[in-house]
C-alpha atoms as a PDB file:
ATOM      1  CA  MET A   1      -0.043  -0.012  -0.017  1.00  0.00           C
ATOM      2  CA  ARG A   2       1.277   3.461  -0.935  1.00  0.00           C
ATOM      3  CA  ASN A   3       0.437   6.821   0.499  1.00  0.00           C
ATOM      4  CA  LEU A   4       0.298   9.551  -2.087  1.00  0.00           C
ATOM      5  CA  CYS A   5       0.261  13.280  -1.225  1.00  0.00           C
ATOM      6  CA  MET A   6      -0.979  15.678  -3.933  1.00  0.00           C
ATOM      7  CA  THR A   7      -1.540  19.360  -4.324  1.00  0.00           C
ATOM      8  CA  VAL A   8      -4.611  20.669  -6.242  1.00  0.00           C
ATOM      9  CA  SER A   9      -5.683  24.102  -7.461  1.00  0.00           C
ATOM     10  CA  PHE A  10      -9.199  24.835  -8.262  1.00  0.00           C
ATOM     11  CA  ASP A  11     -11.721  27.422  -9.083  1.00  0.00           C
ATOM     12  CA  GLY A  12     -14.524  26.817  -6.562  1.00  0.00           C
ATOM     13  CA  THR A  13     -17.170  28.908  -8.360  1.00  0.00           C
ATOM     14  CA  ALA A  14     -19.230  25.944  -9.708  1.00  0.00           C
ATOM     15  CA  TYR A  15     -18.700  23.525  -6.763  1.00  0.00           C
ATOM     16  CA  ASN A  16     -20.330  22.881  -3.378  1.00  0.00           C
ATOM     17  CA  GLY A  17     -16.964  23.067  -1.576  1.00  0.00           C
ATOM     18  CA  PHE A  18     -14.027  20.722  -1.254  1.00  0.00           C
ATOM     19  CA  GLN A  19     -15.351  18.015   0.994  1.00  0.00           C
ATOM     20  CA  THR A  20     -18.056  15.492  -0.161  1.00  0.00           C
ATOM     21  CA  GLN A  21     -21.666  16.690   0.567  1.00  0.00           C
ATOM     22  CA  PRO A  22     -24.929  15.097   0.277  1.00  0.00           C
ATOM     23  CA  GLY A  23     -25.737  17.103  -2.832  1.00  0.00           C
ATOM     24  CA  GLY A  24     -22.530  15.984  -4.576  1.00  0.00           C
ATOM     25  CA  ASN A  25     -20.563  18.206  -7.006  1.00  0.00           C
ATOM     26  CA  THR A  26     -17.543  18.791  -4.851  1.00  0.00           C
ATOM     27  CA  ILE A  27     -13.909  18.837  -5.532  1.00  0.00           C
ATOM     28  CA  GLN A  28     -13.403  15.722  -3.626  1.00  0.00           C
ATOM     29  CA  ASP A  29     -16.037  13.895  -5.590  1.00  0.00           C
ATOM     30  CA  HIS A  30     -14.328  14.716  -8.866  1.00  0.00           C
ATOM     31  CA  ILE A  31     -10.904  13.825  -7.660  1.00  0.00           C
ATOM     32  CA  GLU A  32     -12.052  10.436  -6.365  1.00  0.00           C
ATOM     33  CA  GLU A  33     -13.931   9.691  -9.637  1.00  0.00           C
ATOM     34  CA  ALA A  34     -10.813  10.614 -11.658  1.00  0.00           C
ATOM     35  CA  ILE A  35      -8.680   8.148  -9.442  1.00  0.00           C
ATOM     36  CA  ARG A  36     -11.378   5.485 -10.031  1.00  0.00           C
ATOM     37  CA  LEU A  37     -11.227   5.998 -13.768  1.00  0.00           C
ATOM     38  CA  LEU A  38      -7.466   5.884 -13.758  1.00  0.00           C
ATOM     39  CA  THR A  39      -6.851   2.899 -11.389  1.00  0.00           C
ATOM     40  CA  GLY A  40     -10.205   1.141 -10.920  1.00  0.00           C
ATOM     41  CA  GLU A  41      -9.924   1.770  -7.224  1.00  0.00           C
ATOM     42  CA  THR A  42     -12.520   3.374  -5.071  1.00  0.00           C
ATOM     43  CA  VAL A  43     -10.596   5.499  -2.653  1.00  0.00           C
ATOM     44  CA  LYS A  44     -11.315   8.300  -0.095  1.00  0.00           C
ATOM     45  CA  ILE A  45      -9.025  11.239  -0.338  1.00  0.00           C
ATOM     46  CA  HIS A  46      -8.302  13.291   2.821  1.00  0.00           C
ATOM     47  CA  GLY A  47      -7.847  17.073   2.408  1.00  0.00           C
ATOM     48  CA  SER A  48      -5.884  19.458   4.641  1.00  0.00           C
ATOM     49  CA  GLY A  49      -9.226  20.963   5.436  1.00  0.00           C
ATOM     50  CA  ARG A  50     -12.626  21.800   3.945  1.00  0.00           C
ATOM     51  CA  THR A  51     -13.520  24.867   1.912  1.00  0.00           C
ATOM     52  CA  ASP A  52     -16.990  26.325   1.568  1.00  0.00           C
ATOM     53  CA  ALA A  53     -19.018  26.407  -1.661  1.00  0.00           C
ATOM     54  CA  GLY A  54     -17.522  29.117  -3.997  1.00  0.00           C
ATOM     55  CA  VAL A  55     -14.102  29.139  -2.263  1.00  0.00           C
ATOM     56  CA  HIS A  56     -10.981  28.683  -4.397  1.00  0.00           C
ATOM     57  CA  ALA A  57      -7.656  27.028  -3.644  1.00  0.00           C
ATOM     58  CA  ARG A  58      -4.232  27.964  -4.970  1.00  0.00           C
ATOM     59  CA  SER A  59      -2.736  25.050  -3.094  1.00  0.00           C
ATOM     60  CA  GLN A  60      -4.972  22.490  -1.378  1.00  0.00           C
ATOM     61  CA  VAL A  61      -3.227  19.327  -0.132  1.00  0.00           C
ATOM     62  CA  PHE A  62      -4.783  15.840  -0.046  1.00  0.00           C
ATOM     63  CA  HIS A  63      -3.552  12.340   0.452  1.00  0.00           C
ATOM     64  CA  PHE A  64      -4.939   8.823  -0.132  1.00  0.00           C
ATOM     65  CA  HIS A  65      -3.796   5.252   0.022  1.00  0.00           C
ATOM     66  CA  THR A  66      -3.502   3.248  -3.221  1.00  0.00           C
ATOM     67  CA  SER A  67      -2.366  -0.164  -4.386  1.00  0.00           C
ATOM     68  CA  SER A  68      -1.630   1.239  -7.900  1.00  0.00           C
ATOM     69  CA  ALA A  69       1.838   0.873  -9.230  1.00  0.00           C
ATOM     70  CA  ILE A  70       1.602   3.928 -11.441  1.00  0.00           C
ATOM     71  CA  PRO A  71       4.841   5.963 -11.085  1.00  0.00           C
ATOM     72  CA  VAL A  72       4.371   9.058  -8.994  1.00  0.00           C
ATOM     73  CA  GLU A  73       5.621  11.312 -11.860  1.00  0.00           C
ATOM     74  CA  ARG A  74       2.668  10.201 -14.114  1.00  0.00           C
ATOM     75  CA  TRP A  75      -0.109  10.948 -11.628  1.00  0.00           C
ATOM     76  CA  CYS A  76      -0.683  14.619 -12.294  1.00  0.00           C
ATOM     77  CA  LEU A  77      -1.028  14.472 -16.068  1.00  0.00           C
ATOM     78  CA  ALA A  78      -3.204  11.274 -15.839  1.00  0.00           C
ATOM     79  CA  LEU A  79      -5.582  12.715 -13.300  1.00  0.00           C
ATOM     80  CA  ASN A  80      -5.811  16.149 -15.037  1.00  0.00           C
ATOM     81  CA  ALA A  81      -6.843  14.306 -18.236  1.00  0.00           C
ATOM     82  CA  ARG A  82      -9.898  13.091 -16.330  1.00  0.00           C
ATOM     83  CA  LEU A  83     -10.749  16.168 -14.217  1.00  0.00           C
ATOM     84  CA  PRO A  84     -12.730  19.272 -15.173  1.00  0.00           C
ATOM     85  CA  ASP A  85     -10.677  22.235 -16.567  1.00  0.00           C
ATOM     86  CA  ASP A  86     -11.195  24.218 -13.305  1.00  0.00           C
ATOM     87  CA  ILE A  87      -9.519  21.537 -11.161  1.00  0.00           C
ATOM     88  CA  ILE A  88      -5.787  20.928 -11.707  1.00  0.00           C
ATOM     89  CA  VAL A  89      -3.550  18.606  -9.786  1.00  0.00           C
ATOM     90  CA  THR A  90      -0.081  20.412  -9.654  1.00  0.00           C
ATOM     91  CA  SER A  91       2.159  17.986  -7.665  1.00  0.00           C
ATOM     92  CA  ALA A  92       2.306  14.436  -6.399  1.00  0.00           C
ATOM     93  CA  ARG A  93       4.744  12.629  -4.190  1.00  0.00           C
ATOM     94  CA  GLU A  94       4.883   9.503  -2.172  1.00  0.00           C
ATOM     95  CA  VAL A  95       4.980   9.926   1.519  1.00  0.00           C
ATOM     96  CA  PRO A  96       5.174   7.688   4.635  1.00  0.00           C
ATOM     97  CA  LEU A  97       2.020   5.925   5.660  1.00  0.00           C
ATOM     98  CA  SER A  98       1.966   8.023   8.838  1.00  0.00           C
ATOM     99  CA  PHE A  99       1.480  11.199   6.897  1.00  0.00           C
ATOM    100  CA  HIS A 100      -1.978  12.907   7.067  1.00  0.00           C
ATOM    101  CA  SER A 101      -2.872  15.953   5.087  1.00  0.00           C
ATOM    102  CA  ARG A 102      -4.933  17.464   7.881  1.00  0.00           C
ATOM    103  CA  ARG A 103      -3.401  16.170  11.000  1.00  0.00           C
ATOM    104  CA  SER A 104       0.151  16.713   9.826  1.00  0.00           C
ATOM    105  CA  ALA A 105      -0.398  20.326   8.719  1.00  0.00           C
ATOM    106  CA  LYS A 106       1.383  22.949  10.717  1.00  0.00           C
ATOM    107  CA  ARG A 107       0.461  26.262   9.136  1.00  0.00           C
ATOM    108  CA  LYS A 108      -2.194  27.303   6.650  1.00  0.00           C
ATOM    109  CA  THR A 109      -2.553  30.704   4.832  1.00  0.00           C
ATOM    110  CA  TYR A 110      -5.799  31.994   3.388  1.00  0.00           C
ATOM    111  CA  ARG A 111      -6.006  35.101   1.167  1.00  0.00           C
ATOM    112  CA  TYR A 112      -9.140  37.290   0.881  1.00  0.00           C
ATOM    113  CA  THR A 113      -9.278  39.749  -1.972  1.00  0.00           C
ATOM    114  CA  ILE A 114     -11.340  43.009  -2.153  1.00  0.00           C
ATOM    115  CA  ASN A 115     -11.402  45.132  -5.286  1.00  0.00           C
ATOM    116  CA  ALA A 116     -11.579  48.664  -3.851  1.00  0.00           C
ATOM    117  CA  ASN A 117     -11.494  50.373  -7.315  1.00  0.00           C
ATOM    118  CA  GLN A 118     -14.565  52.145  -8.586  1.00  0.00           C
ATOM    119  CA  PHE A 119     -15.264  49.538 -11.170  1.00  0.00           C
ATOM    120  CA  PRO A 120     -15.013  45.744 -10.913  1.00  0.00           C
ATOM    121  CA  ASP A 121     -12.410  43.863 -12.879  1.00  0.00           C
ATOM    122  CA  VAL A 122     -14.350  41.811 -15.453  1.00  0.00           C
ATOM    123  CA  PHE A 123     -11.419  39.233 -15.670  1.00  0.00           C
ATOM    124  CA  GLN A 124     -11.033  38.707 -11.900  1.00  0.00           C
ATOM    125  CA  ARG A 125     -14.697  39.088 -10.842  1.00  0.00           C
ATOM    126  CA  ARG A 126     -14.782  35.471  -9.734  1.00  0.00           C
ATOM    127  CA  TYR A 127     -11.908  35.830  -7.316  1.00  0.00           C
ATOM    128  CA  GLN A 128     -12.568  39.294  -5.846  1.00  0.00           C
ATOM    129  CA  VAL A 129     -15.255  41.060  -3.963  1.00  0.00           C
ATOM    130  CA  HIS A 130     -15.989  44.511  -5.395  1.00  0.00           C
ATOM    131  CA  HIS A 131     -16.254  47.322  -2.827  1.00  0.00           C
ATOM    132  CA  PRO A 132     -16.423  50.690  -4.683  1.00  0.00           C
ATOM    133  CA  GLY A 133     -16.849  52.716  -1.510  1.00  0.00           C
ATOM    134  CA  LYS A 134     -13.885  54.223   0.296  1.00  0.00           C
ATOM    135  CA  LEU A 135     -12.197  52.059   2.829  1.00  0.00           C
ATOM    136  CA  ASP A 136      -9.872  53.050   5.651  1.00  0.00           C
ATOM    137  CA  ILE A 137      -7.140  50.635   4.886  1.00  0.00           C
ATOM    138  CA  PRO A 138      -4.795  51.583   7.778  1.00  0.00           C
ATOM    139  CA  ALA A 139      -7.721  51.131  10.220  1.00  0.00           C
ATOM    140  CA  MET A 140      -8.354  47.688   8.694  1.00  0.00           C
ATOM    141  CA  GLN A 141      -4.622  46.661   9.165  1.00  0.00           C
ATOM    142  CA  GLN A 142      -4.737  47.945  12.794  1.00  0.00           C
ATOM    143  CA  GLY A 143      -7.875  46.033  13.514  1.00  0.00           C
ATOM    144  CA  LEU A 144      -6.414  42.875  11.987  1.00  0.00           C
ATOM    145  CA  GLU A 145      -3.407  43.072  14.351  1.00  0.00           C
ATOM    146  CA  TYR A 146      -5.561  42.492  17.365  1.00  0.00           C
ATOM    147  CA  LEU A 147      -6.381  39.038  16.187  1.00  0.00           C
ATOM    148  CA  ILE A 148      -2.700  37.815  16.072  1.00  0.00           C
ATOM    149  CA  GLY A 149      -1.812  35.390  18.742  1.00  0.00           C
ATOM    150  CA  THR A 150      -3.454  32.469  20.539  1.00  0.00           C
ATOM    151  CA  HIS A 151      -7.058  33.186  21.346  1.00  0.00           C
ATOM    152  CA  ASP A 152     -10.508  31.683  21.566  1.00  0.00           C
ATOM    153  CA  TYR A 153     -12.138  32.711  18.269  1.00  0.00           C
ATOM    154  CA  THR A 154     -15.683  31.864  19.118  1.00  0.00           C
ATOM    155  CA  SER A 155     -16.818  35.304  17.964  1.00  0.00           C
ATOM    156  CA  PHE A 156     -15.372  34.597  14.580  1.00  0.00           C
ATOM    157  CA  ALA A 157     -16.809  30.969  14.161  1.00  0.00           C
ATOM    158  CA  SER A 158     -20.033  29.807  12.628  1.00  0.00           C
ATOM    159  CA  ARG A 159     -22.740  29.102  15.094  1.00  0.00           C
ATOM    160  CA  HIS A 160     -22.897  25.701  13.480  1.00  0.00           C
ATOM    161  CA  SER A 161     -19.175  24.913  14.434  1.00  0.00           C
ATOM    162  CA  THR A 162     -18.897  21.397  15.867  1.00  0.00           C
ATOM    163  CA  LYS A 163     -15.299  21.860  17.233  1.00  0.00           C
ATOM    164  CA  THR A 164     -14.876  21.143  20.896  1.00  0.00           C
ATOM    165  CA  SER A 165     -12.367  24.028  21.226  1.00  0.00           C
ATOM    166  CA  HIS A 166     -12.268  27.415  19.350  1.00  0.00           C
ATOM    167  CA  VAL A 167      -8.772  28.120  20.485  1.00  0.00           C
ATOM    168  CA  ARG A 168      -6.521  28.714  17.523  1.00  0.00           C
ATOM    169  CA  THR A 169      -3.218  30.602  16.868  1.00  0.00           C
ATOM    170  CA  ILE A 170      -2.855  33.290  14.101  1.00  0.00           C
ATOM    171  CA  TYR A 171       0.817  33.760  13.380  1.00  0.00           C
ATOM    172  CA  ASN A 172       0.549  36.545  10.876  1.00  0.00           C
ATOM    173  CA  ALA A 173      -2.195  38.784   9.313  1.00  0.00           C
ATOM    174  CA  ARG A 174      -1.403  41.498   6.855  1.00  0.00           C
ATOM    175  CA  ILE A 175      -2.999  43.519   3.999  1.00  0.00           C
ATOM    176  CA  GLU A 176      -1.177  44.118   0.695  1.00  0.00           C
ATOM    177  CA  VAL A 177      -2.448  46.734  -1.706  1.00  0.00           C
ATOM    178  CA  ASP A 178      -2.055  46.321  -5.408  1.00  0.00           C
ATOM    179  CA  THR A 179      -2.597  49.559  -7.345  1.00  0.00           C
ATOM    180  CA  SER A 180      -1.409  48.281 -10.738  1.00  0.00           C
ATOM    181  CA  MET A 181      -4.948  48.365 -12.061  1.00  0.00           C
ATOM    182  CA  SER A 182      -5.938  51.673 -10.393  1.00  0.00           C
ATOM    183  CA  ARG A 183      -6.508  54.784 -12.532  1.00  0.00           C
ATOM    184  CA  ALA A 184      -4.511  57.902 -11.702  1.00  0.00           C
ATOM    185  CA  GLY A 185      -6.605  60.867 -10.515  1.00  0.00           C
ATOM    186  CA  THR A 186      -9.671  58.780  -9.558  1.00  0.00           C
ATOM    187  CA  ARG A 187     -10.888  57.426  -6.238  1.00  0.00           C
ATOM    188  CA  ASP A 188      -9.573  53.888  -7.064  1.00  0.00           C
ATOM    189  CA  GLN A 189      -7.945  52.421  -3.962  1.00  0.00           C
ATOM    190  CA  GLY A 190      -6.605  49.320  -5.535  1.00  0.00           C
ATOM    191  CA  VAL A 191      -6.914  45.604  -4.846  1.00  0.00           C
ATOM    192  CA  LEU A 192      -6.591  44.592  -1.231  1.00  0.00           C
ATOM    193  CA  HIS A 193      -5.230  41.133  -0.448  1.00  0.00           C
ATOM    194  CA  THR A 194      -5.599  40.069   3.117  1.00  0.00           C
ATOM    195  CA  TYR A 195      -3.382  37.130   4.134  1.00  0.00           C
ATOM    196  CA  ILE A 196      -4.001  35.327   7.368  1.00  0.00           C
ATOM    197  CA  THR A 197      -1.721  32.506   8.426  1.00  0.00           C
ATOM    198  CA  GLY A 198      -2.638  30.173  11.329  1.00  0.00           C
ATOM    199  CA  ASN A 199      -2.290  26.690  12.763  1.00  0.00           C
ATOM    200  CA  GLY A 200      -5.872  26.041  11.843  1.00  0.00           C
ATOM    201  CA  PHE A 201      -9.196  27.757  11.131  1.00  0.00           C
ATOM    202  CA  LEU A 202     -12.738  27.291  12.297  1.00  0.00           C
ATOM    203  CA  GLN A 203     -15.802  27.103  10.026  1.00  0.00           C
ATOM    204  CA  HIS A 204     -16.306  30.517   8.285  1.00  0.00           C
ATOM    205  CA  MET A 205     -13.579  32.034  10.413  1.00  0.00           C
ATOM    206  CA  VAL A 206     -11.777  33.976   7.794  1.00  0.00           C
ATOM    207  CA  ARG A 207     -14.953  35.093   6.228  1.00  0.00           C
ATOM    208  CA  ILE A 208     -16.429  36.390   9.476  1.00  0.00           C
ATOM    209  CA  ILE A 209     -13.124  38.184  10.181  1.00  0.00           C
ATOM    210  CA  MET A 210     -13.265  39.786   6.794  1.00  0.00           C
ATOM    211  CA  GLY A 211     -16.922  40.705   6.981  1.00  0.00           C
ATOM    212  CA  THR A 212     -16.155  42.470  10.362  1.00  0.00           C
ATOM    213  CA  LEU A 213     -12.978  44.082   9.002  1.00  0.00           C
ATOM    214  CA  ILE A 214     -14.905  45.593   6.082  1.00  0.00           C
ATOM    215  CA  GLN A 215     -17.131  47.352   8.619  1.00  0.00           C
ATOM    216  CA  VAL A 216     -13.908  48.696  10.235  1.00  0.00           C
ATOM    217  CA  GLY A 217     -12.856  50.035   6.789  1.00  0.00           C
ATOM    218  CA  GLU A 218     -16.283  51.644   6.313  1.00  0.00           C
ATOM    219  CA  GLY A 219     -16.091  53.395   9.534  1.00  0.00           C
ATOM    220  CA  LYS A 220     -18.926  51.407  11.118  1.00  0.00           C
ATOM    221  CA  ARG A 221     -16.609  49.980  13.756  1.00  0.00           C
ATOM    222  CA  SER A 222     -13.222  51.119  15.235  1.00  0.00           C
ATOM    223  CA  PRO A 223     -10.080  49.039  14.975  1.00  0.00           C
ATOM    224  CA  GLU A 224     -10.238  48.505  18.760  1.00  0.00           C
ATOM    225  CA  ASP A 225     -13.629  46.869  18.335  1.00  0.00           C
ATOM    226  CA  MET A 226     -11.857  43.828  16.854  1.00  0.00           C
ATOM    227  CA  LEU A 227     -10.344  43.212  20.318  1.00  0.00           C
ATOM    228  CA  ARG A 228     -13.618  43.675  22.095  1.00  0.00           C
ATOM    229  CA  ILE A 229     -15.325  41.249  19.674  1.00  0.00           C
ATOM    230  CA  LEU A 230     -12.604  38.685  20.173  1.00  0.00           C
ATOM    231  CA  GLN A 231     -12.932  38.974  23.994  1.00  0.00           C
ATOM    232  CA  ALA A 232     -16.729  38.611  23.842  1.00  0.00           C
ATOM    233  CA  GLN A 233     -16.509  34.990  22.588  1.00  0.00           C
ATOM    234  CA  ASP A 234     -19.944  35.588  21.043  1.00  0.00           C
ATOM    235  CA  ARG A 235     -20.674  35.227  17.365  1.00  0.00           C
ATOM    236  CA  SER A 236     -23.366  37.900  17.554  1.00  0.00           C
ATOM    237  CA  ALA A 237     -20.683  40.498  18.520  1.00  0.00           C
ATOM    238  CA  ALA A 238     -18.997  40.212  15.059  1.00  0.00           C
ATOM    239  CA  GLY A 239     -20.013  41.368  11.657  1.00  0.00           C
ATOM    240  CA  PRO A 240     -21.500  39.441   8.773  1.00  0.00           C
ATOM    241  CA  THR A 241     -19.879  36.561   6.967  1.00  0.00           C
ATOM    242  CA  ALA A 242     -18.187  37.912   3.898  1.00  0.00           C
ATOM    243  CA  VAL A 243     -19.141  36.291   0.520  1.00  0.00           C
ATOM    244  CA  SER A 244     -17.095  33.295  -0.447  1.00  0.00           C
ATOM    245  CA  GLN A 245     -15.851  34.282  -3.921  1.00  0.00           C
ATOM    246  CA  GLY A 246     -13.067  36.487  -2.449  1.00  0.00           C
ATOM    247  CA  LEU A 247     -11.499  33.630  -0.425  1.00  0.00           C
ATOM    248  CA  MET A 248      -8.741  31.376  -1.509  1.00  0.00           C
ATOM    249  CA  LEU A 249      -6.729  28.700   0.358  1.00  0.00           C
ATOM    250  CA  TRP A 250      -3.243  30.065  -0.430  1.00  0.00           C
ATOM    251  CA  SER A 251      -0.817  27.535   1.061  1.00  0.00           C
ATOM    252  CA  VAL A 252      -0.429  24.613   3.537  1.00  0.00           C
ATOM    253  CA  GLU A 253       2.873  23.903   5.204  1.00  0.00           C
ATOM    254  CA  TYR A 254       4.259  20.640   6.726  1.00  0.00           C
ATOM    255  CA  ASP A 255       7.391  19.977   8.809  1.00  0.00           C
ATOM    256  CA  GLU A 256       7.745  16.540   7.032  1.00  0.00           C
ATOM    257  CA  LEU A 257       7.907  17.912   3.502  1.00  0.00           C
ATOM    258  CA  ASP A 258      10.895  19.716   2.194  1.00  0.00           C
ATOM    259  CA  ASP A 259       8.931  22.446   0.346  1.00  0.00           C
ATOM    260  CA  LYS A 260       5.859  24.415   1.000  1.00  0.00           C
ATOM    261  CA  SER A 261       2.721  23.192  -0.733  1.00  0.00           C
END
């Protein structure tokens, strides 16, 4: 028996999330079917975590056990030939049987993208949330910094979360502003990429953080409110859940693997 670890990129627009759901049409469903078509095996893949419907991934990691003797270097092309065009397996490697994509993960980074220019980008509209109103970006960055550290993030977790503990660690959180598509002399503010890196994330956690942070940018909340919301440990204290299209699983890191996936 072999344990194969793979990295997949996908546009989540048309799918019901990564993990298998009763309604079907998930990334996991399509990958498992591609493996079945390739090897004849019915396998269950295990992802580094689940993503919601409409959320994208630059680098999602999954593993599965197989009896297939197909050389590891042939798996990517073989699976991609059997997958939809918006799901692409980008790397494959053989790992010890003890490796688990979720339990072995040490750090994950999500990116959330807001287009703060006056007009939406027709080419990036699936991967950005358009916000034409003025945002106070320094206030948003200040508010974000209150969330760094080890805390109970109940306020930023879905009410439907089934985790026994909501304590997580955020190692880094920052906003990068790309003004390359902004027009000089206008009220364009650029494209805001918010990167949040942690040891794990709760259901809807990044989207609730972003929904609340947008309110800070709009002047509806102060940066210091982020700390008060965090300390409240009450979902009703935070803002709305931001829409899924702006969210992307950016990277997953492991101690056992030589490179970042």
